Amino acid sequence: MARARGRDVVLELMDAVGELEKTTALHATQLGDIAALAVETSAKVVGLSGQMGALTKGFADLSRRMDDMTHRMDDMTHRMDDMTHRMDALTRETASLGADLTTQAETTLLASKTAHQQQQQLGRVARLLSVFADGSDHRFADIESRLGALEKKAS
């Protein structure tokens, strides 16, 4: 009976070893599946890492472009400020020129009025001379020469 019992133990051990082999084979298959999944995931992570690198490079390029555009806008702003200052100076110069032209026009108008008044006065003098010209040639010649001098000053 001891033999029968030893045999049963061996059979049980063999069954247990068989179960262990099946379980180990199942675990090995599962570990293989997990390893394949890990390799696939690793490949996806590497692919994503490449895409993230490309995105990072794209963002860096975009950042450089935005920085360049900012510098260009700053330069344009400085140019516009310079043009504004120049336009202000031109406006002040134009206003000054307008004031000078107004003064010159007023002076010209005054000179014209003065010339007109002198012309009227010379006309009166000429009429007076014609009244006084009674035949004395030397007085008449003297008055005429003075009148000629006044006319030259007036013109």
N, C-alpha and C. Protein backbone atom coordinates (compact mmCIF):
# COMPACT_ATOMS: atom_id res chain seq x y z
N MET A 1 0.79 -1.16 0.00
CA MET A 1 0.00 0.00 0.00
C MET A 1 0.85 1.24 0.00
N ALA A 2 1.93 1.04 0.54
CA ALA A 2 2.82 2.17 0.50
C ALA A 2 3.22 2.46 -0.91
N ARG A 3 3.30 1.45 -1.69
CA ARG A 3 3.62 1.67 -3.09
C ARG A 3 2.50 2.37 -3.80
N ALA A 4 1.33 1.96 -3.49
CA ALA A 4 0.18 2.57 -4.13
C ALA A 4 0.08 4.02 -3.71
N ARG A 5 0.41 4.23 -2.61
CA ARG A 5 0.35 5.59 -2.14
C ARG A 5 1.45 6.43 -2.76
N GLY A 6 2.61 5.92 -2.86
CA GLY A 6 3.74 6.62 -3.48
C GLY A 6 3.42 6.92 -4.94
N ARG A 7 2.76 5.93 -5.55
CA ARG A 7 2.37 6.11 -6.94
C ARG A 7 1.37 7.23 -7.07
N ASP A 8 0.40 7.27 -6.18
CA ASP A 8 -0.60 8.33 -6.19
C ASP A 8 0.06 9.70 -5.98
N VAL A 9 1.06 9.70 -5.11
CA VAL A 9 1.76 10.96 -4.85
C VAL A 9 2.50 11.39 -6.10
N VAL A 10 3.14 10.42 -6.75
CA VAL A 10 3.88 10.75 -7.98
C VAL A 10 2.90 11.22 -9.04
N LEU A 11 1.76 10.55 -9.14
CA LEU A 11 0.75 10.95 -10.14
C LEU A 11 0.23 12.36 -9.83
N GLU A 12 0.02 12.58 -8.55
CA GLU A 12 -0.45 13.91 -8.17
C GLU A 12 0.62 14.95 -8.46
N LEU A 13 1.87 14.57 -8.16
CA LEU A 13 2.97 15.50 -8.47
C LEU A 13 3.05 15.74 -9.97
N MET A 14 2.87 14.71 -10.74
CA MET A 14 2.92 14.85 -12.21
C MET A 14 1.79 15.73 -12.68
N ASP A 15 0.61 15.52 -12.09
CA ASP A 15 -0.53 16.38 -12.44
C ASP A 15 -0.22 17.84 -12.06
N ALA A 16 0.37 18.02 -10.86
CA ALA A 16 0.70 19.37 -10.41
C ALA A 16 1.75 19.98 -11.33
N VAL A 17 2.74 19.17 -11.70
CA VAL A 17 3.76 19.68 -12.62
C VAL A 17 3.12 20.01 -13.96
N GLY A 18 2.20 19.20 -14.44
CA GLY A 18 1.49 19.48 -15.70
C GLY A 18 0.72 20.78 -15.62
N GLU A 19 0.04 20.94 -14.48
CA GLU A 19 -0.69 22.20 -14.28
C GLU A 19 0.28 23.39 -14.25
N LEU A 20 1.40 23.14 -13.55
CA LEU A 20 2.43 24.19 -13.50
C LEU A 20 2.94 24.50 -14.90
N GLU A 21 3.17 23.49 -15.70
CA GLU A 21 3.64 23.70 -17.08
C GLU A 21 2.62 24.50 -17.88
N LYS A 22 1.34 24.14 -17.72
CA LYS A 22 0.28 24.86 -18.44
C LYS A 22 0.24 26.32 -17.98
N THR A 23 0.27 26.50 -16.64
CA THR A 23 0.23 27.85 -16.09
C THR A 23 1.45 28.64 -16.54
N THR A 24 2.62 27.98 -16.50
CA THR A 24 3.86 28.64 -16.93
C THR A 24 3.78 28.97 -18.42
N ALA A 25 3.26 28.09 -19.22
CA ALA A 25 3.11 28.33 -20.65
C ALA A 25 2.14 29.49 -20.89
N LEU A 26 1.05 29.49 -20.10
CA LEU A 26 0.09 30.59 -20.22
C LEU A 26 0.76 31.91 -19.82
N HIS A 27 1.51 31.88 -18.69
CA HIS A 27 2.21 33.09 -18.25
C HIS A 27 3.24 33.52 -19.28
N ALA A 28 3.94 32.55 -19.88
CA ALA A 28 4.94 32.87 -20.91
C ALA A 28 4.26 33.51 -22.11
N THR A 29 3.11 33.00 -22.51
CA THR A 29 2.36 33.57 -23.63
C THR A 29 1.91 34.99 -23.28
N GLN A 30 1.38 35.13 -22.04
CA GLN A 30 0.94 36.45 -21.61
C GLN A 30 2.12 37.43 -21.55
N LEU A 31 3.26 36.96 -21.02
CA LEU A 31 4.45 37.81 -20.97
C LEU A 31 4.92 38.17 -22.39
N GLY A 32 4.80 37.23 -23.32
CA GLY A 32 5.14 37.51 -24.73
C GLY A 32 4.21 38.58 -25.30
N ASP A 33 2.90 38.43 -24.98
CA ASP A 33 1.93 39.43 -25.45
C ASP A 33 2.25 40.81 -24.83
N ILE A 34 2.58 40.78 -23.51
CA ILE A 34 2.92 42.04 -22.84
C ILE A 34 4.18 42.64 -23.46
N ALA A 35 5.18 41.77 -23.76
CA ALA A 35 6.43 42.27 -24.38
C ALA A 35 6.14 42.85 -25.76
N ALA A 36 5.30 42.16 -26.54
CA ALA A 36 4.94 42.68 -27.88
C ALA A 36 4.21 44.01 -27.75
N LEU A 37 3.30 44.08 -26.76
CA LEU A 37 2.59 45.32 -26.51
C LEU A 37 3.56 46.42 -26.06
N ALA A 38 4.54 46.05 -25.23
CA ALA A 38 5.53 47.04 -24.78
C ALA A 38 6.37 47.52 -25.96
N VAL A 39 6.76 46.61 -26.88
CA VAL A 39 7.53 47.01 -28.07
C VAL A 39 6.68 47.92 -28.94
N GLU A 40 5.41 47.57 -29.14
CA GLU A 40 4.51 48.40 -29.95
C GLU A 40 4.32 49.77 -29.30
N THR A 41 4.11 49.80 -27.99
CA THR A 41 3.95 51.06 -27.26
C THR A 41 5.23 51.87 -27.34
N SER A 42 6.35 51.21 -27.21
CA SER A 42 7.64 51.91 -27.31
C SER A 42 7.80 52.54 -28.68
N ALA A 43 7.41 51.82 -29.73
CA ALA A 43 7.49 52.37 -31.09
C ALA A 43 6.56 53.58 -31.23
N LYS A 44 5.37 53.47 -30.63
CA LYS A 44 4.45 54.61 -30.68
C LYS A 44 5.00 55.80 -29.90
N VAL A 45 5.61 55.52 -28.75
CA VAL A 45 6.20 56.59 -27.96
C VAL A 45 7.34 57.25 -28.73
N VAL A 46 8.16 56.45 -29.41
CA VAL A 46 9.24 57.02 -30.23
C VAL A 46 8.65 57.87 -31.35
N GLY A 47 7.59 57.38 -31.98
CA GLY A 47 6.92 58.16 -33.03
C GLY A 47 6.35 59.46 -32.49
N LEU A 48 5.68 59.37 -31.34
CA LEU A 48 5.15 60.57 -30.71
C LEU A 48 6.26 61.53 -30.30
N SER A 49 7.37 60.97 -29.83
CA SER A 49 8.50 61.80 -29.46
C SER A 49 9.03 62.55 -30.68
N GLY A 50 9.09 61.89 -31.82
CA GLY A 50 9.50 62.56 -33.06
C GLY A 50 8.53 63.66 -33.44
N GLN A 51 7.23 63.36 -33.30
CA GLN A 51 6.22 64.37 -33.61
C GLN A 51 6.30 65.54 -32.64
N MET A 52 6.53 65.24 -31.37
CA MET A 52 6.67 66.31 -30.38
C MET A 52 7.92 67.14 -30.69
N GLY A 53 8.99 66.49 -31.13
CA GLY A 53 10.19 67.22 -31.53
C GLY A 53 9.90 68.14 -32.71
N ALA A 54 9.15 67.63 -33.69
CA ALA A 54 8.78 68.45 -34.85
C ALA A 54 7.90 69.61 -34.42
N LEU A 55 6.94 69.34 -33.50
CA LEU A 55 6.08 70.42 -32.99
C LEU A 55 6.92 71.46 -32.24
N THR A 56 7.85 70.97 -31.43
CA THR A 56 8.72 71.89 -30.68
C THR A 56 9.52 72.75 -31.65
N LYS A 57 10.06 72.15 -32.69
CA LYS A 57 10.81 72.91 -33.70
C LYS A 57 9.88 73.90 -34.41
N GLY A 58 8.65 73.45 -34.71
CA GLY A 58 7.68 74.34 -35.35
C GLY A 58 7.35 75.54 -34.46
N PHE A 59 7.16 75.27 -33.18
CA PHE A 59 6.88 76.37 -32.24
C PHE A 59 8.07 77.31 -32.12
N ALA A 60 9.28 76.74 -32.12
CA ALA A 60 10.47 77.59 -32.04
C ALA A 60 10.58 78.46 -33.29
N ASP A 61 10.31 77.88 -34.47
CA ASP A 61 10.32 78.66 -35.72
C ASP A 61 9.26 79.76 -35.67
N LEU A 62 8.08 79.40 -35.20
CA LEU A 62 6.99 80.37 -35.09
C LEU A 62 7.38 81.49 -34.12
N SER A 63 8.00 81.10 -33.01
CA SER A 63 8.44 82.10 -32.03
C SER A 63 9.47 83.04 -32.64
N ARG A 64 10.42 82.51 -33.42
CA ARG A 64 11.41 83.36 -34.08
C ARG A 64 10.74 84.29 -35.09
N ARG A 65 9.79 83.77 -35.82
CA ARG A 65 9.07 84.61 -36.79
C ARG A 65 8.29 85.72 -36.09
N MET A 66 7.63 85.38 -34.99
CA MET A 66 6.89 86.39 -34.23
C MET A 66 7.84 87.43 -33.66
N ASP A 67 9.00 86.99 -33.19
CA ASP A 67 10.01 87.92 -32.66
C ASP A 67 10.49 88.84 -33.78
N ASP A 68 10.72 88.27 -34.96
CA ASP A 68 11.15 89.07 -36.11
C ASP A 68 10.06 90.08 -36.48
N MET A 69 8.80 89.64 -36.48
CA MET A 69 7.70 90.55 -36.81
C MET A 69 7.60 91.66 -35.77
N THR A 70 7.83 91.31 -34.50
CA THR A 70 7.79 92.32 -33.44
C THR A 70 8.87 93.37 -33.68
N HIS A 71 10.08 92.91 -34.03
CA HIS A 71 11.16 93.86 -34.30
C HIS A 71 10.82 94.73 -35.51
N ARG A 72 10.23 94.13 -36.53
CA ARG A 72 9.83 94.91 -37.71
C ARG A 72 8.77 95.94 -37.35
N MET A 73 7.81 95.54 -36.52
CA MET A 73 6.77 96.47 -36.09
C MET A 73 7.37 97.60 -35.26
N ASP A 74 8.33 97.26 -34.39
CA ASP A 74 9.02 98.30 -33.61
C ASP A 74 9.73 99.28 -34.54
N ASP A 75 10.40 98.73 -35.56
CA ASP A 75 11.11 99.58 -36.52
C ASP A 75 10.12 100.48 -37.26
N MET A 76 8.98 99.90 -37.68
CA MET A 76 7.97 100.70 -38.37
C MET A 76 7.41 101.78 -37.45
N THR A 77 7.23 101.45 -36.17
CA THR A 77 6.74 102.43 -35.22
C THR A 77 7.72 103.58 -35.08
N HIS A 78 9.02 103.26 -34.99
CA HIS A 78 10.03 104.32 -34.90
C HIS A 78 10.03 105.18 -36.16
N ARG A 79 9.88 104.54 -37.32
CA ARG A 79 9.83 105.30 -38.58
C ARG A 79 8.62 106.21 -38.61
N MET A 80 7.47 105.70 -38.15
CA MET A 80 6.25 106.51 -38.13
C MET A 80 6.42 107.68 -37.16
N ASP A 81 7.05 107.43 -36.00
CA ASP A 81 7.31 108.52 -35.05
C ASP A 81 8.19 109.58 -35.70
N ASP A 82 9.23 109.14 -36.41
CA ASP A 82 10.13 110.07 -37.09
C ASP A 82 9.37 110.88 -38.13
N MET A 83 8.52 110.19 -38.91
CA MET A 83 7.73 110.90 -39.92
C MET A 83 6.77 111.90 -39.27
N THR A 84 6.21 111.53 -38.13
CA THR A 84 5.31 112.43 -37.41
C THR A 84 6.05 113.68 -36.96
N HIS A 85 7.27 113.50 -36.43
CA HIS A 85 8.07 114.66 -36.00
C HIS A 85 8.41 115.54 -37.20
N ARG A 86 8.73 114.90 -38.32
CA ARG A 86 9.04 115.67 -39.53
C ARG A 86 7.82 116.44 -40.01
N MET A 87 6.65 115.79 -39.97
CA MET A 87 5.43 116.47 -40.39
C MET A 87 5.10 117.63 -39.45
N ASP A 88 5.34 117.44 -38.16
CA ASP A 88 5.13 118.54 -37.20
C ASP A 88 6.04 119.72 -37.53
N ALA A 89 7.31 119.41 -37.81
CA ALA A 89 8.26 120.48 -38.15
C ALA A 89 7.83 121.17 -39.45
N LEU A 90 7.40 120.37 -40.43
CA LEU A 90 6.94 120.93 -41.70
C LEU A 90 5.70 121.80 -41.49
N THR A 91 4.80 121.36 -40.63
CA THR A 91 3.59 122.14 -40.33
C THR A 91 3.97 123.47 -39.69
N ARG A 92 4.91 123.42 -38.71
CA ARG A 92 5.35 124.67 -38.06
C ARG A 92 6.02 125.59 -39.09
N GLU A 93 6.84 125.02 -39.97
CA GLU A 93 7.53 125.82 -40.99
C GLU A 93 6.52 126.43 -41.95
N THR A 94 5.50 125.64 -42.32
CA THR A 94 4.46 126.15 -43.23
C THR A 94 3.68 127.28 -42.56
N ALA A 95 3.36 127.12 -41.27
CA ALA A 95 2.65 128.17 -40.55
C ALA A 95 3.51 129.44 -40.48
N SER A 96 4.81 129.26 -40.24
CA SER A 96 5.71 130.42 -40.19
C SER A 96 5.79 131.10 -41.55
N LEU A 97 5.87 130.29 -42.60
CA LEU A 97 5.89 130.85 -43.95
C LEU A 97 4.60 131.58 -44.25
N GLY A 98 3.47 131.00 -43.81
CA GLY A 98 2.18 131.67 -44.01
C GLY A 98 2.14 133.01 -43.29
N ALA A 99 2.69 133.05 -42.07
CA ALA A 99 2.72 134.32 -41.33
C ALA A 99 3.62 135.33 -42.04
N ASP A 100 4.78 134.85 -42.55
CA ASP A 100 5.67 135.74 -43.30
C ASP A 100 4.99 136.28 -44.55
N LEU A 101 4.28 135.39 -45.25
CA LEU A 101 3.58 135.82 -46.47
C LEU A 101 2.47 136.82 -46.14
N THR A 102 1.79 136.60 -45.01
CA THR A 102 0.75 137.54 -44.59
C THR A 102 1.36 138.90 -44.30
N THR A 103 2.50 138.90 -43.59
CA THR A 103 3.18 140.16 -43.28
C THR A 103 3.62 140.85 -44.57
N GLN A 104 4.18 140.05 -45.48
CA GLN A 104 4.63 140.63 -46.77
C GLN A 104 3.44 141.19 -47.55
N ALA A 105 2.32 140.48 -47.53
CA ALA A 105 1.13 140.97 -48.24
C ALA A 105 0.64 142.26 -47.61
N GLU A 106 0.66 142.32 -46.26
CA GLU A 106 0.23 143.55 -45.59
C GLU A 106 1.17 144.70 -45.93
N THR A 107 2.49 144.41 -45.96
CA THR A 107 3.47 145.44 -46.31
C THR A 107 3.27 145.89 -47.75
N THR A 108 3.02 144.96 -48.65
CA THR A 108 2.79 145.29 -50.06
C THR A 108 1.52 146.13 -50.20
N LEU A 109 0.49 145.76 -49.46
CA LEU A 109 -0.75 146.52 -49.51
C LEU A 109 -0.53 147.95 -48.99
N LEU A 110 0.23 148.07 -47.90
CA LEU A 110 0.53 149.39 -47.35
C LEU A 110 1.35 150.20 -48.35
N ALA A 111 2.33 149.55 -49.00
CA ALA A 111 3.14 150.25 -50.00
C ALA A 111 2.27 150.69 -51.17
N SER A 112 1.32 149.84 -51.56
CA SER A 112 0.42 150.18 -52.65
C SER A 112 -0.45 151.39 -52.28
N LYS A 113 -0.97 151.36 -51.03
CA LYS A 113 -1.78 152.50 -50.58
C LYS A 113 -0.95 153.78 -50.54
N THR A 114 0.29 153.64 -50.04
CA THR A 114 1.18 154.81 -49.97
C THR A 114 1.48 155.34 -51.37
N ALA A 115 1.77 154.44 -52.30
CA ALA A 115 2.04 154.85 -53.68
C ALA A 115 0.82 155.54 -54.28
N HIS A 116 -0.36 154.99 -54.00
CA HIS A 116 -1.59 155.58 -54.51
C HIS A 116 -1.78 156.99 -53.92
N GLN A 117 -1.52 157.13 -52.61
CA GLN A 117 -1.63 158.44 -51.98
C GLN A 117 -0.62 159.43 -52.57
N GLN A 118 0.60 158.94 -52.79
CA GLN A 118 1.61 159.83 -53.39
C GLN A 118 1.20 160.25 -54.79
N GLN A 119 0.61 159.31 -55.52
CA GLN A 119 0.15 159.63 -56.87
C GLN A 119 -0.94 160.70 -56.81
N GLN A 120 -1.84 160.56 -55.84
CA GLN A 120 -2.90 161.56 -55.69
C GLN A 120 -2.30 162.92 -55.31
N GLN A 121 -1.31 162.90 -54.41
CA GLN A 121 -0.68 164.14 -54.00
C GLN A 121 0.06 164.79 -55.17
N LEU A 122 0.72 163.96 -55.97
CA LEU A 122 1.41 164.49 -57.15
C LEU A 122 0.42 165.09 -58.14
N GLY A 123 -0.73 164.45 -58.26
CA GLY A 123 -1.78 165.00 -59.13
C GLY A 123 -2.23 166.37 -58.64
N ARG A 124 -2.41 166.49 -57.31
CA ARG A 124 -2.79 167.78 -56.73
C ARG A 124 -1.70 168.83 -56.96
N VAL A 125 -0.45 168.39 -56.77
CA VAL A 125 0.66 169.32 -57.00
C VAL A 125 0.68 169.75 -58.46
N ALA A 126 0.44 168.82 -59.35
CA ALA A 126 0.45 169.17 -60.77
C ALA A 126 -0.67 170.16 -61.09
N ARG A 127 -1.83 169.95 -60.47
CA ARG A 127 -2.94 170.91 -60.69
C ARG A 127 -2.59 172.28 -60.12
N LEU A 128 -1.97 172.26 -58.95
CA LEU A 128 -1.56 173.55 -58.37
C LEU A 128 -0.53 174.25 -59.25
N LEU A 129 0.38 173.45 -59.78
CA LEU A 129 1.41 174.03 -60.65
C LEU A 129 0.81 174.65 -61.90
N SER A 130 -0.17 173.98 -62.41
CA SER A 130 -0.78 174.53 -63.62
C SER A 130 -1.50 175.84 -63.31
N VAL A 131 -2.02 175.94 -62.07
CA VAL A 131 -2.68 177.18 -61.67
C VAL A 131 -1.65 178.30 -61.51
N PHE A 132 -0.49 177.96 -60.91
CA PHE A 132 0.55 178.96 -60.66
C PHE A 132 1.43 179.24 -61.86
N ALA A 133 1.35 178.43 -62.85
CA ALA A 133 2.22 178.65 -64.01
C ALA A 133 1.66 179.81 -64.82
N ASP A 134 2.17 180.94 -64.53
CA ASP A 134 1.61 182.13 -65.19
C ASP A 134 2.65 182.73 -66.13
N GLY A 135 3.53 181.92 -66.55
CA GLY A 135 4.48 182.46 -67.50
C GLY A 135 5.87 182.62 -66.95
N SER A 136 6.08 182.41 -65.67
CA SER A 136 7.46 182.55 -65.19
C SER A 136 8.12 181.19 -65.34
N ASP A 137 8.99 181.12 -66.36
CA ASP A 137 9.59 179.85 -66.75
C ASP A 137 10.55 179.29 -65.72
N HIS A 138 11.32 180.17 -65.05
CA HIS A 138 12.32 179.61 -64.13
C HIS A 138 11.65 178.98 -62.89
N ARG A 139 10.55 179.57 -62.39
CA ARG A 139 9.84 178.96 -61.27
C ARG A 139 9.16 177.67 -61.71
N PHE A 140 8.65 177.70 -62.90
CA PHE A 140 7.97 176.53 -63.44
C PHE A 140 8.95 175.38 -63.64
N ALA A 141 10.12 175.65 -64.16
CA ALA A 141 11.13 174.62 -64.37
C ALA A 141 11.59 174.03 -63.04
N ASP A 142 11.75 174.88 -62.02
CA ASP A 142 12.15 174.41 -60.70
C ASP A 142 11.10 173.49 -60.11
N ILE A 143 9.85 173.87 -60.25
CA ILE A 143 8.75 173.05 -59.72
C ILE A 143 8.67 171.75 -60.49
N GLU A 144 8.83 171.80 -61.80
CA GLU A 144 8.79 170.59 -62.61
C GLU A 144 9.90 169.62 -62.23
N SER A 145 11.09 170.14 -61.96
CA SER A 145 12.20 169.25 -61.58
C SER A 145 11.92 168.61 -60.22
N ARG A 146 11.36 169.38 -59.30
CA ARG A 146 10.99 168.80 -58.01
C ARG A 146 9.90 167.74 -58.16
N LEU A 147 8.94 168.04 -59.03
CA LEU A 147 7.88 167.10 -59.30
C LEU A 147 8.44 165.82 -59.91
N GLY A 148 9.38 165.94 -60.83
CA GLY A 148 10.01 164.76 -61.44
C GLY A 148 10.74 163.93 -60.41
N ALA A 149 11.41 164.61 -59.47
CA ALA A 149 12.12 163.89 -58.41
C ALA A 149 11.14 163.13 -57.52
N LEU A 150 10.02 163.76 -57.22
CA LEU A 150 9.00 163.10 -56.38
C LEU A 150 8.40 161.88 -57.11
N GLU A 151 8.19 162.04 -58.44
CA GLU A 151 7.65 160.93 -59.23
C GLU A 151 8.61 159.75 -59.25
N LYS A 152 9.92 160.04 -59.34
CA LYS A 152 10.92 158.96 -59.34
C LYS A 152 10.92 158.25 -58.00
N LYS A 153 10.78 158.99 -56.90
CA LYS A 153 10.72 158.37 -55.58
C LYS A 153 9.48 157.50 -55.44
N ALA A 154 8.39 157.96 -56.02
CA ALA A 154 7.13 157.23 -55.91
C ALA A 154 7.17 155.92 -56.69
N SER A 155 7.89 155.91 -57.79
CA SER A 155 7.93 154.68 -58.57
C SER A 155 9.05 153.83 -58.10
